[in-house]
Amino acid sequence: SLQYMEDVGERQTDIVEVVQEADQNHRLISDYFMRKQVQSVLEDRTQSLTAASMPTKGAAIANDYFPGYVSTLLLAGYLWFGGTGVVKGELQIGAFLATINAVKEIG
């Protein structure tokens, strides 16, 4: 994961370098009709950044959603087993509902 983040950082630096160089030499680029070449370099660097950032985006999405999925599964399991306990009289309904609310607040 750290390697991916370093790679993304390097790609961002590459883009900044192209933009700064184009900004500093915009007159020269314009005079010699080099806009398409500079644009092509910038597009290549942008595509490289996109490719490098895909693994980190996938990990970020997984990190955002995984805890929610786990808490939902645990709550579903507790609803099943706790609900069965309430029906059988092994668990008081107040304790059952309080536990559900506590799990909802956490997850």
C-alpha atoms as a PDB file:
ATOM      1  CA  SER A   1       0.000   0.000   0.000  1.00  0.00           C
ATOM      2  CA  LEU A   2       2.820   2.389   0.811  1.00  0.00           C
ATOM      3  CA  GLN A   3       4.477   1.589  -2.522  1.00  0.00           C
ATOM      4  CA  TYR A   4       1.238   2.448  -4.354  1.00  0.00           C
ATOM      5  CA  MET A   5       0.982   5.759  -2.512  1.00  0.00           C
ATOM      6  CA  GLU A   6       4.594   6.623  -3.353  1.00  0.00           C
ATOM      7  CA  ASP A   7       3.941   5.761  -6.990  1.00  0.00           C
ATOM      8  CA  VAL A   8       0.875   8.039  -7.032  1.00  0.00           C
ATOM      9  CA  GLY A   9       2.930  10.820  -5.457  1.00  0.00           C
ATOM     10  CA  GLU A  10       5.609  10.462  -8.126  1.00  0.00           C
ATOM     11  CA  ARG A  11       2.999  10.604 -10.892  1.00  0.00           C
ATOM     12  CA  GLN A  12       1.480  13.743  -9.370  1.00  0.00           C
ATOM     13  CA  THR A  13       4.931  15.315  -9.255  1.00  0.00           C
ATOM     14  CA  ASP A  14       5.420  14.456 -12.936  1.00  0.00           C
ATOM     15  CA  ILE A  15       2.190  16.258 -13.818  1.00  0.00           C
ATOM     16  CA  VAL A  16       3.125  19.312 -11.774  1.00  0.00           C
ATOM     17  CA  GLU A  17       6.497  19.464 -13.534  1.00  0.00           C
ATOM     18  CA  VAL A  18       4.868  19.420 -16.978  1.00  0.00           C
ATOM     19  CA  VAL A  19       2.379  22.120 -15.991  1.00  0.00           C
ATOM     20  CA  GLN A  20       5.063  24.330 -14.457  1.00  0.00           C
ATOM     21  CA  GLU A  21       7.328  23.929 -17.474  1.00  0.00           C
ATOM     22  CA  ALA A  22       4.468  24.724 -19.836  1.00  0.00           C
ATOM     23  CA  ASP A  23       3.556  27.771 -17.779  1.00  0.00           C
ATOM     24  CA  GLN A  24       7.127  29.057 -17.726  1.00  0.00           C
ATOM     25  CA  ASN A  25       7.594  28.457 -21.458  1.00  0.00           C
ATOM     26  CA  HIS A  26       4.118  29.246 -22.735  1.00  0.00           C
ATOM     27  CA  ARG A  27       5.411  31.912 -25.111  1.00  0.00           C
ATOM     28  CA  LEU A  28       7.966  29.540 -26.624  1.00  0.00           C
ATOM     29  CA  ILE A  29       5.388  26.751 -26.893  1.00  0.00           C
ATOM     30  CA  SER A  30       3.004  29.114 -28.635  1.00  0.00           C
ATOM     31  CA  ASP A  31       5.611  30.570 -31.004  1.00  0.00           C
ATOM     32  CA  TYR A  32       6.811  27.164 -32.187  1.00  0.00           C
ATOM     33  CA  PHE A  33       3.366  25.517 -32.276  1.00  0.00           C
ATOM     34  CA  MET A  34       4.297  22.951 -29.625  1.00  0.00           C
ATOM     35  CA  ARG A  35       0.932  22.946 -27.889  1.00  0.00           C
ATOM     36  CA  LYS A  36      -0.069  19.502 -29.199  1.00  0.00           C
ATOM     37  CA  GLN A  37       3.217  17.952 -28.046  1.00  0.00           C
ATOM     38  CA  VAL A  38       2.896  19.449 -24.567  1.00  0.00           C
ATOM     39  CA  GLN A  39      -0.729  18.382 -24.417  1.00  0.00           C
ATOM     40  CA  SER A  40       0.259  14.852 -25.438  1.00  0.00           C
ATOM     41  CA  VAL A  41       2.884  14.676 -22.681  1.00  0.00           C
ATOM     42  CA  LEU A  42       0.366  15.941 -20.129  1.00  0.00           C
ATOM     43  CA  GLU A  43      -2.233  13.397 -21.278  1.00  0.00           C
ATOM     44  CA  ASP A  44       0.318  10.589 -20.983  1.00  0.00           C
ATOM     45  CA  ARG A  45       1.252  11.663 -17.467  1.00  0.00           C
ATOM     46  CA  THR A  46      -2.413  11.964 -16.493  1.00  0.00           C
ATOM     47  CA  GLN A  47      -3.139   8.463 -17.769  1.00  0.00           C
ATOM     48  CA  SER A  48      -0.135   7.199 -15.841  1.00  0.00           C
ATOM     49  CA  LEU A  49      -1.506   8.824 -12.666  1.00  0.00           C
ATOM     50  CA  THR A  50      -4.912   7.274 -13.270  1.00  0.00           C
ATOM     51  CA  ALA A  51      -3.388   3.824 -13.694  1.00  0.00           C
ATOM     52  CA  ALA A  52      -1.213   4.232 -10.602  1.00  0.00           C
ATOM     53  CA  SER A  53      -4.076   5.438  -8.408  1.00  0.00           C
ATOM     54  CA  MET A  54      -6.489   2.590  -9.211  1.00  0.00           C
ATOM     55  CA  PRO A  55      -5.169   0.180  -6.536  1.00  0.00           C
ATOM     56  CA  THR A  56      -5.278   2.876  -3.855  1.00  0.00           C
ATOM     57  CA  LYS A  57      -8.827   3.830  -4.804  1.00  0.00           C
ATOM     58  CA  GLY A  58      -9.909   0.202  -4.612  1.00  0.00           C
ATOM     59  CA  ALA A  59      -8.368  -0.140  -1.164  1.00  0.00           C
ATOM     60  CA  ALA A  60      -9.992   3.090   0.009  1.00  0.00           C
ATOM     61  CA  ILE A  61     -13.409   1.940  -1.166  1.00  0.00           C
ATOM     62  CA  ALA A  62     -12.953  -1.426   0.542  1.00  0.00           C
ATOM     63  CA  ASN A  63     -11.878   0.306   3.760  1.00  0.00           C
ATOM     64  CA  ASP A  64     -14.933   2.563   3.636  1.00  0.00           C
ATOM     65  CA  TYR A  65     -17.512  -0.169   3.067  1.00  0.00           C
ATOM     66  CA  PHE A  66     -16.092  -3.204   4.880  1.00  0.00           C
ATOM     67  CA  PRO A  67     -16.930  -2.122   8.456  1.00  0.00           C
ATOM     68  CA  GLY A  68     -20.508  -1.393   7.412  1.00  0.00           C
ATOM     69  CA  TYR A  69     -20.866  -4.828   5.872  1.00  0.00           C
ATOM     70  CA  VAL A  70     -19.449  -6.535   8.937  1.00  0.00           C
ATOM     71  CA  SER A  71     -21.739  -4.669  11.322  1.00  0.00           C
ATOM     72  CA  THR A  72     -24.748  -5.420   9.101  1.00  0.00           C
ATOM     73  CA  LEU A  73     -23.901  -9.131   9.081  1.00  0.00           C
ATOM     74  CA  LEU A  74     -23.399  -9.181  12.836  1.00  0.00           C
ATOM     75  CA  LEU A  75     -26.667  -7.347  13.381  1.00  0.00           C
ATOM     76  CA  ALA A  76     -28.489  -9.781  11.080  1.00  0.00           C
ATOM     77  CA  GLY A  77     -27.045 -12.708  13.016  1.00  0.00           C
ATOM     78  CA  TYR A  78     -28.038 -11.166  16.328  1.00  0.00           C
ATOM     79  CA  LEU A  79     -31.524 -10.443  15.021  1.00  0.00           C
ATOM     80  CA  TRP A  80     -31.891 -14.096  14.087  1.00  0.00           C
ATOM     81  CA  PHE A  81     -30.518 -15.635  17.249  1.00  0.00           C
ATOM     82  CA  GLY A  82     -31.673 -12.896  19.626  1.00  0.00           C
ATOM     83  CA  GLY A  83     -35.148 -12.861  18.096  1.00  0.00           C
ATOM     84  CA  THR A  84     -35.344 -16.597  18.567  1.00  0.00           C
ATOM     85  CA  GLY A  85     -34.300 -16.109  22.197  1.00  0.00           C
ATOM     86  CA  VAL A  86     -37.036 -13.508  22.720  1.00  0.00           C
ATOM     87  CA  VAL A  87     -39.685 -15.792  21.207  1.00  0.00           C
ATOM     88  CA  LYS A  88     -38.539 -18.692  23.404  1.00  0.00           C
ATOM     89  CA  GLY A  89     -38.498 -16.472  26.484  1.00  0.00           C
ATOM     90  CA  GLU A  90     -34.738 -16.834  27.028  1.00  0.00           C
ATOM     91  CA  LEU A  91     -34.062 -13.125  26.413  1.00  0.00           C
ATOM     92  CA  GLN A  92     -36.028 -10.077  27.512  1.00  0.00           C
ATOM     93  CA  ILE A  93     -37.291  -7.868  24.720  1.00  0.00           C
ATOM     94  CA  GLY A  94     -35.830  -4.736  26.341  1.00  0.00           C
ATOM     95  CA  ALA A  95     -32.323  -6.205  26.405  1.00  0.00           C
ATOM     96  CA  PHE A  96     -32.750  -7.378  22.828  1.00  0.00           C
ATOM     97  CA  LEU A  97     -33.820  -3.932  21.567  1.00  0.00           C
ATOM     98  CA  ALA A  98     -31.158  -2.129  23.614  1.00  0.00           C
ATOM     99  CA  THR A  99     -28.461  -4.352  22.118  1.00  0.00           C
ATOM    100  CA  ILE A 100     -29.764  -3.717  18.595  1.00  0.00           C
ATOM    101  CA  ASN A 101     -29.693   0.063  19.171  1.00  0.00           C
ATOM    102  CA  ALA A 102     -26.173  -0.118  20.599  1.00  0.00           C
ATOM    103  CA  VAL A 103     -24.920  -2.093  17.598  1.00  0.00           C
ATOM    104  CA  LYS A 104     -26.647   0.356  15.200  1.00  0.00           C
ATOM    105  CA  GLU A 105     -24.941   3.297  16.896  1.00  0.00           C
ATOM    106  CA  ILE A 106     -21.518   1.666  16.668  1.00  0.00           C
ATOM    107  CA  GLY A 107     -21.799   0.412  13.096  1.00  0.00           C
END
